Amino acid sequence: MGVLLVVGFIVVFVTIGYRVANPEANNTNDNILLNNKIIIKPDSLIVDINNEGKKTLITIRNVDQSYDLITLDTARGTILNTFTFYVDGN
């Protein structure tokens, strides 16, 4: 019985130590709201929103037929980067 108590305490302390050392290892909270603002012009069209775990990709088509690709880190609530792609008219 004493051995089971000792093994139980060891498992508990190892689990606590692992979670303190790796805080994002078991983070399954996908409902974090962004504090940043993404400005989309009224003439633009949201083509696609793709959620890939902790990152979200938003594709926007502008009036001049260019595309904006916005990468969001939903775990931290930040905009990672923004790319603009232009379509060649030829």
PDB file of N, CA and C in Angstrom:
ATOM      1  N   MET A   1       0.825  -1.197   0.000  1.00  0.00           N
ATOM      2  CA  MET A   1       0.000   0.000   0.000  1.00  0.00           C
ATOM      3  C   MET A   1       0.868   1.259   0.000  1.00  0.00           C
ATOM      4  N   GLY A   2       1.940   1.224   0.765  1.00  0.00           N
ATOM      5  CA  GLY A   2       2.853   2.365   0.829  1.00  0.00           C
ATOM      6  C   GLY A   2       3.529   2.621  -0.501  1.00  0.00           C
ATOM      7  N   VAL A   3       3.825   1.542  -1.236  1.00  0.00           N
ATOM      8  CA  VAL A   3       4.460   1.688  -2.549  1.00  0.00           C
ATOM      9  C   VAL A   3       3.514   2.397  -3.511  1.00  0.00           C
ATOM     10  N   LEU A   4       2.230   2.060  -3.463  1.00  0.00           N
ATOM     11  CA  LEU A   4       1.252   2.725  -4.329  1.00  0.00           C
ATOM     12  C   LEU A   4       1.135   4.208  -4.017  1.00  0.00           C
ATOM     13  N   LEU A   5       1.186   4.575  -2.756  1.00  0.00           N
ATOM     14  CA  LEU A   5       1.138   5.991  -2.386  1.00  0.00           C
ATOM     15  C   LEU A   5       2.362   6.731  -2.915  1.00  0.00           C
ATOM     16  N   VAL A   6       3.529   6.143  -2.772  1.00  0.00           N
ATOM     17  CA  VAL A   6       4.758   6.789  -3.245  1.00  0.00           C
ATOM     18  C   VAL A   6       4.724   6.932  -4.768  1.00  0.00           C
ATOM     19  N   VAL A   7       4.316   5.879  -5.470  1.00  0.00           N
ATOM     20  CA  VAL A   7       4.225   5.950  -6.932  1.00  0.00           C
ATOM     21  C   VAL A   7       3.181   6.985  -7.354  1.00  0.00           C
ATOM     22  N   GLY A   8       2.059   7.052  -6.652  1.00  0.00           N
ATOM     23  CA  GLY A   8       1.029   8.051  -6.951  1.00  0.00           C
ATOM     24  C   GLY A   8       1.541   9.472  -6.798  1.00  0.00           C
ATOM     25  N   PHE A   9       2.285   9.741  -5.704  1.00  0.00           N
ATOM     26  CA  PHE A   9       2.849  11.077  -5.502  1.00  0.00           C
ATOM     27  C   PHE A   9       3.883  11.407  -6.572  1.00  0.00           C
ATOM     28  N   ILE A  10       4.682  10.430  -6.966  1.00  0.00           N
ATOM     29  CA  ILE A  10       5.675  10.670  -8.009  1.00  0.00           C
ATOM     30  C   ILE A  10       4.990  11.028  -9.326  1.00  0.00           C
ATOM     31  N   VAL A  11       3.935  10.298  -9.684  1.00  0.00           N
ATOM     32  CA  VAL A  11       3.208  10.581 -10.924  1.00  0.00           C
ATOM     33  C   VAL A  11       2.588  11.977 -10.881  1.00  0.00           C
ATOM     34  N   VAL A  12       2.012  12.347  -9.752  1.00  0.00           N
ATOM     35  CA  VAL A  12       1.400  13.673  -9.623  1.00  0.00           C
ATOM     36  C   VAL A  12       2.443  14.767  -9.784  1.00  0.00           C
ATOM     37  N   PHE A  13       3.591  14.647  -9.123  1.00  0.00           N
ATOM     38  CA  PHE A  13       4.609  15.691  -9.204  1.00  0.00           C
ATOM     39  C   PHE A  13       5.269  15.743 -10.584  1.00  0.00           C
ATOM     40  N   VAL A  14       5.436  14.597 -11.237  1.00  0.00           N
ATOM     41  CA  VAL A  14       5.981  14.601 -12.597  1.00  0.00           C
ATOM     42  C   VAL A  14       5.005  15.271 -13.557  1.00  0.00           C
ATOM     43  N   THR A  15       3.723  14.994 -13.398  1.00  0.00           N
ATOM     44  CA  THR A  15       2.709  15.621 -14.257  1.00  0.00           C
ATOM     45  C   THR A  15       2.672  17.130 -14.047  1.00  0.00           C
ATOM     46  N   ILE A  16       2.711  17.577 -12.817  1.00  0.00           N
ATOM     47  CA  ILE A  16       2.720  19.020 -12.526  1.00  0.00           C
ATOM     48  C   ILE A  16       3.977  19.667 -13.095  1.00  0.00           C
ATOM     49  N   GLY A  17       5.108  19.044 -12.917  1.00  0.00           N
ATOM     50  CA  GLY A  17       6.355  19.583 -13.459  1.00  0.00           C
ATOM     51  C   GLY A  17       6.338  19.675 -14.970  1.00  0.00           C
ATOM     52  N   TYR A  18       5.782  18.659 -15.640  1.00  0.00           N
ATOM     53  CA  TYR A  18       5.700  18.676 -17.088  1.00  0.00           C
ATOM     54  C   TYR A  18       4.789  19.802 -17.572  1.00  0.00           C
ATOM     55  N   ARG A  19       3.665  19.993 -16.926  1.00  0.00           N
ATOM     56  CA  ARG A  19       2.735  21.054 -17.354  1.00  0.00           C
ATOM     57  C   ARG A  19       3.286  22.443 -17.079  1.00  0.00           C
ATOM     58  N   VAL A  20       4.070  22.591 -16.038  1.00  0.00           N
ATOM     59  CA  VAL A  20       4.699  23.894 -15.768  1.00  0.00           C
ATOM     60  C   VAL A  20       5.786  24.162 -16.801  1.00  0.00           C
ATOM     61  N   ALA A  21       6.548  23.145 -17.163  1.00  0.00           N
ATOM     62  CA  ALA A  21       7.630  23.319 -18.132  1.00  0.00           C
ATOM     63  C   ALA A  21       7.107  23.496 -19.556  1.00  0.00           C
ATOM     64  N   ASN A  22       5.949  22.907 -19.892  1.00  0.00           N
ATOM     65  CA  ASN A  22       5.371  22.971 -21.233  1.00  0.00           C
ATOM     66  C   ASN A  22       3.934  23.463 -21.149  1.00  0.00           C
ATOM     67  N   PRO A  23       3.723  24.764 -20.971  1.00  0.00           N
ATOM     68  CA  PRO A  23       2.354  25.248 -20.766  1.00  0.00           C
ATOM     69  C   PRO A  23       1.452  25.109 -21.980  1.00  0.00           C
ATOM     70  N   GLU A  24       2.011  25.044 -23.200  1.00  0.00           N
ATOM     71  CA  GLU A  24       1.182  24.949 -24.399  1.00  0.00           C
ATOM     72  C   GLU A  24       0.980  23.516 -24.862  1.00  0.00           C
ATOM     73  N   ALA A  25       1.509  22.539 -24.152  1.00  0.00           N
ATOM     74  CA  ALA A  25       1.429  21.150 -24.603  1.00  0.00           C
ATOM     75  C   ALA A  25      -0.008  20.634 -24.608  1.00  0.00           C
ATOM     76  N   ASN A  26      -0.788  20.990 -23.617  1.00  0.00           N
ATOM     77  CA  ASN A  26      -2.158  20.488 -23.525  1.00  0.00           C
ATOM     78  C   ASN A  26      -3.187  21.595 -23.678  1.00  0.00           C
ATOM     79  N   ASN A  27      -2.831  22.679 -24.351  1.00  0.00           N
ATOM     80  CA  ASN A  27      -3.739  23.801 -24.524  1.00  0.00           C
ATOM     81  C   ASN A  27      -4.710  23.488 -25.659  1.00  0.00           C
ATOM     82  N   THR A  28      -5.962  23.245 -25.316  1.00  0.00           N
ATOM     83  CA  THR A  28      -6.974  22.958 -26.329  1.00  0.00           C
ATOM     84  C   THR A  28      -7.999  24.079 -26.425  1.00  0.00           C
ATOM     85  N   ASN A  29      -7.706  25.233 -25.879  1.00  0.00           N
ATOM     86  CA  ASN A  29      -8.642  26.351 -25.884  1.00  0.00           C
ATOM     87  C   ASN A  29      -8.537  27.089 -27.212  1.00  0.00           C
ATOM     88  N   ASP A  30      -9.523  26.903 -28.097  1.00  0.00           N
ATOM     89  CA  ASP A  30      -9.528  27.559 -29.400  1.00  0.00           C
ATOM     90  C   ASP A  30     -10.434  28.789 -29.418  1.00  0.00           C
ATOM     91  N   ASN A  31     -11.009  29.166 -28.297  1.00  0.00           N
ATOM     92  CA  ASN A  31     -11.982  30.249 -28.260  1.00  0.00           C
ATOM     93  C   ASN A  31     -11.391  31.540 -27.716  1.00  0.00           C
ATOM     94  N   ILE A  32     -10.153  31.845 -28.060  1.00  0.00           N
ATOM     95  CA  ILE A  32      -9.517  33.077 -27.612  1.00  0.00           C
ATOM     96  C   ILE A  32      -9.808  34.160 -28.643  1.00  0.00           C
ATOM     97  N   LEU A  33     -10.324  35.279 -28.199  1.00  0.00           N
ATOM     98  CA  LEU A  33     -10.658  36.373 -29.104  1.00  0.00           C
ATOM     99  C   LEU A  33      -9.436  37.225 -29.385  1.00  0.00           C
ATOM    100  N   LEU A  34      -9.333  37.714 -30.600  1.00  0.00           N
ATOM    101  CA  LEU A  34      -8.237  38.596 -30.981  1.00  0.00           C
ATOM    102  C   LEU A  34      -8.528  40.013 -30.521  1.00  0.00           C
ATOM    103  N   ASN A  35      -7.503  40.694 -30.039  1.00  0.00           N
ATOM    104  CA  ASN A  35      -7.635  42.095 -29.660  1.00  0.00           C
ATOM    105  C   ASN A  35      -7.251  43.004 -30.814  1.00  0.00           C
ATOM    106  N   ASN A  36      -6.720  42.444 -31.885  1.00  0.00           N
ATOM    107  CA  ASN A  36      -6.312  43.219 -33.047  1.00  0.00           C
ATOM    108  C   ASN A  36      -7.504  43.437 -33.971  1.00  0.00           C
ATOM    109  N   LYS A  37      -7.405  44.477 -34.785  1.00  0.00           N
ATOM    110  CA  LYS A  37      -8.451  44.758 -35.766  1.00  0.00           C
ATOM    111  C   LYS A  37      -7.922  44.445 -37.149  1.00  0.00           C
ATOM    112  N   ILE A  38      -8.717  43.763 -37.924  1.00  0.00           N
ATOM    113  CA  ILE A  38      -8.393  43.497 -39.318  1.00  0.00           C
ATOM    114  C   ILE A  38      -9.331  44.361 -40.147  1.00  0.00           C
ATOM    115  N   ILE A  39      -8.753  45.277 -40.897  1.00  0.00           N
ATOM    116  CA  ILE A  39      -9.563  46.205 -41.682  1.00  0.00           C
ATOM    117  C   ILE A  39      -9.769  45.620 -43.076  1.00  0.00           C
ATOM    118  N   ILE A  40     -11.020  45.443 -43.441  1.00  0.00           N
ATOM    119  CA  ILE A  40     -11.384  44.946 -44.760  1.00  0.00           C
ATOM    120  C   ILE A  40     -12.229  46.016 -45.440  1.00  0.00           C
ATOM    121  N   LYS A  41     -11.835  46.401 -46.639  1.00  0.00           N
ATOM    122  CA  LYS A  41     -12.574  47.430 -47.368  1.00  0.00           C
ATOM    123  C   LYS A  41     -13.956  46.908 -47.738  1.00  0.00           C
ATOM    124  N   PRO A  42     -14.945  47.798 -47.847  1.00  0.00           N
ATOM    125  CA  PRO A  42     -16.311  47.354 -48.166  1.00  0.00           C
ATOM    126  C   PRO A  42     -16.421  46.659 -49.518  1.00  0.00           C
ATOM    127  N   ASP A  43     -15.530  46.984 -50.468  1.00  0.00           N
ATOM    128  CA  ASP A  43     -15.580  46.364 -51.792  1.00  0.00           C
ATOM    129  C   ASP A  43     -14.893  45.001 -51.829  1.00  0.00           C
ATOM    130  N   SER A  44     -14.175  44.650 -50.762  1.00  0.00           N
ATOM    131  CA  SER A  44     -13.420  43.395 -50.735  1.00  0.00           C
ATOM    132  C   SER A  44     -14.325  42.222 -50.397  1.00  0.00           C
ATOM    133  N   LEU A  45     -13.841  41.036 -50.740  1.00  0.00           N
ATOM    134  CA  LEU A  45     -14.596  39.811 -50.522  1.00  0.00           C
ATOM    135  C   LEU A  45     -13.718  38.815 -49.773  1.00  0.00           C
ATOM    136  N   ILE A  46     -14.246  38.264 -48.687  1.00  0.00           N
ATOM    137  CA  ILE A  46     -13.518  37.219 -47.968  1.00  0.00           C
ATOM    138  C   ILE A  46     -13.722  35.918 -48.740  1.00  0.00           C
ATOM    139  N   VAL A  47     -12.637  35.379 -49.263  1.00  0.00           N
ATOM    140  CA  VAL A  47     -12.705  34.189 -50.100  1.00  0.00           C
ATOM    141  C   VAL A  47     -12.678  32.926 -49.245  1.00  0.00           C
ATOM    142  N   ASP A  48     -11.804  32.891 -48.229  1.00  0.00           N
ATOM    143  CA  ASP A  48     -11.622  31.662 -47.472  1.00  0.00           C
ATOM    144  C   ASP A  48     -11.115  31.989 -46.074  1.00  0.00           C
ATOM    145  N   ILE A  49     -11.596  31.244 -45.102  1.00  0.00           N
ATOM    146  CA  ILE A  49     -11.068  31.270 -43.737  1.00  0.00           C
ATOM    147  C   ILE A  49     -10.724  29.827 -43.401  1.00  0.00           C
ATOM    148  N   ASN A  50      -9.444  29.583 -43.124  1.00  0.00           N
ATOM    149  CA  ASN A  50      -8.968  28.226 -42.891  1.00  0.00           C
ATOM    150  C   ASN A  50      -8.331  28.164 -41.512  1.00  0.00           C
ATOM    151  N   ASN A  51      -8.901  27.372 -40.616  1.00  0.00           N
ATOM    152  CA  ASN A  51      -8.390  27.229 -39.263  1.00  0.00           C
ATOM    153  C   ASN A  51      -7.553  25.963 -39.191  1.00  0.00           C
ATOM    154  N   GLU A  52      -6.270  26.117 -38.897  1.00  0.00           N
ATOM    155  CA  GLU A  52      -5.357  24.984 -38.826  1.00  0.00           C
ATOM    156  C   GLU A  52      -4.749  24.926 -37.433  1.00  0.00           C
ATOM    157  N   GLY A  53      -5.505  24.456 -36.464  1.00  0.00           N
ATOM    158  CA  GLY A  53      -4.995  24.343 -35.104  1.00  0.00           C
ATOM    159  C   GLY A  53      -4.847  25.698 -34.456  1.00  0.00           C
ATOM    160  N   LYS A  54      -3.618  26.114 -34.221  1.00  0.00           N
ATOM    161  CA  LYS A  54      -3.364  27.390 -33.549  1.00  0.00           C
ATOM    162  C   LYS A  54      -3.224  28.551 -34.528  1.00  0.00           C
ATOM    163  N   LYS A  55      -3.324  28.275 -35.818  1.00  0.00           N
ATOM    164  CA  LYS A  55      -3.208  29.338 -36.814  1.00  0.00           C
ATOM    165  C   LYS A  55      -4.454  29.381 -37.676  1.00  0.00           C
ATOM    166  N   THR A  56      -4.836  30.609 -38.065  1.00  0.00           N
ATOM    167  CA  THR A  56      -5.975  30.822 -38.944  1.00  0.00           C
ATOM    168  C   THR A  56      -5.502  31.632 -40.147  1.00  0.00           C
ATOM    169  N   LEU A  57      -5.852  31.186 -41.342  1.00  0.00           N
ATOM    170  CA  LEU A  57      -5.507  31.886 -42.578  1.00  0.00           C
ATOM    171  C   LEU A  57      -6.770  32.495 -43.172  1.00  0.00           C
ATOM    172  N   ILE A  58      -6.717  33.778 -43.475  1.00  0.00           N
ATOM    173  CA  ILE A  58      -7.849  34.480 -44.086  1.00  0.00           C
ATOM    174  C   ILE A  58      -7.400  34.972 -45.461  1.00  0.00           C
ATOM    175  N   THR A  59      -8.158  34.619 -46.498  1.00  0.00           N
ATOM    176  CA  THR A  59      -7.865  35.065 -47.860  1.00  0.00           C
ATOM    177  C   THR A  59      -8.930  36.074 -48.276  1.00  0.00           C
ATOM    178  N   ILE A  60      -8.480  37.251 -48.722  1.00  0.00           N
ATOM    179  CA  ILE A  60      -9.378  38.349 -49.091  1.00  0.00           C
ATOM    180  C   ILE A  60      -9.069  38.758 -50.531  1.00  0.00           C
ATOM    181  N   ARG A  61     -10.119  38.908 -51.357  1.00  0.00           N
ATOM    182  CA  ARG A  61      -9.956  39.393 -52.732  1.00  0.00           C
ATOM    183  C   ARG A  61     -10.348  40.861 -52.773  1.00  0.00           C
ATOM    184  N   ASN A  62      -9.453  41.693 -53.272  1.00  0.00           N
ATOM    185  CA  ASN A  62      -9.690  43.135 -53.348  1.00  0.00           C
ATOM    186  C   ASN A  62     -10.298  43.505 -54.695  1.00  0.00           C
ATOM    187  N   VAL A  63     -10.719  44.764 -54.822  1.00  0.00           N
ATOM    188  CA  VAL A  63     -11.354  45.251 -56.048  1.00  0.00           C
ATOM    189  C   VAL A  63     -10.392  45.202 -57.223  1.00  0.00           C
ATOM    190  N   ASP A  64      -9.113  45.476 -57.006  1.00  0.00           N
ATOM    191  CA  ASP A  64      -8.127  45.460 -58.086  1.00  0.00           C
ATOM    192  C   ASP A  64      -7.643  44.046 -58.419  1.00  0.00           C
ATOM    193  N   GLN A  65      -8.401  43.033 -57.995  1.00  0.00           N
ATOM    194  CA  GLN A  65      -8.121  41.618 -58.238  1.00  0.00           C
ATOM    195  C   GLN A  65      -6.845  41.127 -57.553  1.00  0.00           C
ATOM    196  N   SER A  66      -6.352  41.868 -56.571  1.00  0.00           N
ATOM    197  CA  SER A  66      -5.243  41.368 -55.767  1.00  0.00           C
ATOM    198  C   SER A  66      -5.816  40.583 -54.584  1.00  0.00           C
ATOM    199  N   TYR A  67      -4.996  39.750 -53.995  1.00  0.00           N
ATOM    200  CA  TYR A  67      -5.421  38.923 -52.867  1.00  0.00           C
ATOM    201  C   TYR A  67      -4.560  39.235 -51.650  1.00  0.00           C
ATOM    202  N   ASP A  68      -5.188  39.343 -50.493  1.00  0.00           N
ATOM    203  CA  ASP A  68      -4.484  39.494 -49.222  1.00  0.00           C
ATOM    204  C   ASP A  68      -4.599  38.188 -48.453  1.00  0.00           C
ATOM    205  N   LEU A  69      -3.487  37.718 -47.939  1.00  0.00           N
ATOM    206  CA  LEU A  69      -3.465  36.524 -47.112  1.00  0.00           C
ATOM    207  C   LEU A  69      -2.990  36.932 -45.726  1.00  0.00           C
ATOM    208  N   ILE A  70      -3.854  36.780 -44.740  1.00  0.00           N
ATOM    209  CA  ILE A  70      -3.555  37.189 -43.365  1.00  0.00           C
ATOM    210  C   ILE A  70      -3.423  35.935 -42.520  1.00  0.00           C
ATOM    211  N   THR A  71      -2.311  35.819 -41.786  1.00  0.00           N
ATOM    212  CA  THR A  71      -2.075  34.681 -40.904  1.00  0.00           C
ATOM    213  C   THR A  71      -2.224  35.149 -39.465  1.00  0.00           C
ATOM    214  N   LEU A  72      -3.119  34.480 -38.730  1.00  0.00           N
ATOM    215  CA  LEU A  72      -3.386  34.833 -37.338  1.00  0.00           C
ATOM    216  C   LEU A  72      -2.917  33.708 -36.424  1.00  0.00           C
ATOM    217  N   ASP A  73      -2.347  34.072 -35.294  1.00  0.00           N
ATOM    218  CA  ASP A  73      -2.017  33.097 -34.255  1.00  0.00           C
ATOM    219  C   ASP A  73      -3.139  33.164 -33.226  1.00  0.00           C
ATOM    220  N   THR A  74      -4.067  32.220 -33.279  1.00  0.00           N
ATOM    221  CA  THR A  74      -5.230  32.269 -32.402  1.00  0.00           C
ATOM    222  C   THR A  74      -4.889  31.923 -30.965  1.00  0.00           C
ATOM    223  N   ALA A  75      -3.776  31.243 -30.731  1.00  0.00           N
ATOM    224  CA  ALA A  75      -3.389  30.921 -29.360  1.00  0.00           C
ATOM    225  C   ALA A  75      -2.930  32.167 -28.615  1.00  0.00           C
ATOM    226  N   ARG A  76      -2.229  33.059 -29.299  1.00  0.00           N
ATOM    227  CA  ARG A  76      -1.728  34.282 -28.662  1.00  0.00           C
ATOM    228  C   ARG A  76      -2.576  35.508 -28.970  1.00  0.00           C
ATOM    229  N   GLY A  77      -3.428  35.415 -29.983  1.00  0.00           N
ATOM    230  CA  GLY A  77      -4.275  36.537 -30.344  1.00  0.00           C
ATOM    231  C   GLY A  77      -3.546  37.621 -31.103  1.00  0.00           C
ATOM    232  N   THR A  78      -2.623  37.233 -31.983  1.00  0.00           N
ATOM    233  CA  THR A  78      -1.849  38.218 -32.728  1.00  0.00           C
ATOM    234  C   THR A  78      -1.907  37.919 -34.227  1.00  0.00           C
ATOM    235  N   ILE A  79      -1.640  38.961 -35.014  1.00  0.00           N
ATOM    236  CA  ILE A  79      -1.511  38.806 -36.464  1.00  0.00           C
ATOM    237  C   ILE A  79      -0.045  38.500 -36.740  1.00  0.00           C
ATOM    238  N   LEU A  80       0.242  37.346 -37.330  1.00  0.00           N
ATOM    239  CA  LEU A  80       1.620  36.957 -37.588  1.00  0.00           C
ATOM    240  C   LEU A  80       2.187  37.684 -38.803  1.00  0.00           C
ATOM    241  N   ASN A  81       1.471  37.649 -39.929  1.00  0.00           N
ATOM    242  CA  ASN A  81       1.950  38.346 -41.117  1.00  0.00           C
ATOM    243  C   ASN A  81       0.815  38.548 -42.105  1.00  0.00           C
ATOM    244  N   THR A  82       1.055  39.446 -43.052  1.00  0.00           N
ATOM    245  CA  THR A  82       0.088  39.747 -44.099  1.00  0.00           C
ATOM    246  C   THR A  82       0.826  39.774 -45.433  1.00  0.00           C
ATOM    247  N   PHE A  83       0.304  39.048 -46.410  1.00  0.00           N
ATOM    248  CA  PHE A  83       0.875  39.028 -47.750  1.00  0.00           C
ATOM    249  C   PHE A  83      -0.160  39.570 -48.724  1.00  0.00           C
ATOM    250  N   THR A  84       0.312  40.273 -49.755  1.00  0.00           N
ATOM    251  CA  THR A  84      -0.548  40.732 -50.834  1.00  0.00           C
ATOM    252  C   THR A  84      -0.041  40.135 -52.137  1.00  0.00           C
ATOM    253  N   PHE A  85      -0.943  39.476 -52.862  1.00  0.00           N
ATOM    254  CA  PHE A  85      -0.613  38.857 -54.140  1.00  0.00           C
ATOM    255  C   PHE A  85      -1.347  39.593 -55.239  1.00  0.00           C
ATOM    256  N   TYR A  86      -0.624  39.919 -56.305  1.00  0.00           N
ATOM    257  CA  TYR A  86      -1.210  40.622 -57.446  1.00  0.00           C
ATOM    258  C   TYR A  86      -1.310  39.668 -58.626  1.00  0.00           C
ATOM    259  N   VAL A  87      -2.425  39.716 -59.338  1.00  0.00           N
ATOM    260  CA  VAL A  87      -2.637  38.865 -60.494  1.00  0.00           C
ATOM    261  C   VAL A  87      -2.128  39.598 -61.726  1.00  0.00           C
ATOM    262  N   ASP A  88      -1.323  38.902 -62.527  1.00  0.00           N
ATOM    263  CA  ASP A  88      -0.785  39.479 -63.754  1.00  0.00           C
ATOM    264  C   ASP A  88      -1.879  39.474 -64.813  1.00  0.00           C
ATOM    265  N   GLY A  89      -2.135  40.610 -65.435  1.00  0.00           N
ATOM    266  CA  GLY A  89      -3.204  40.738 -66.410  1.00  0.00           C
ATOM    267  C   GLY A  89      -2.891  40.168 -67.774  1.00  0.00           C
ATOM    268  N   ASN A  90      -1.669  39.734 -68.030  1.00  0.00           N
ATOM    269  CA  ASN A  90      -1.300  39.227 -69.360  1.00  0.00           C
ATOM    270  C   ASN A  90      -1.627  37.793 -69.508  1.00  0.00           C
TER     271      ASN A  90
END
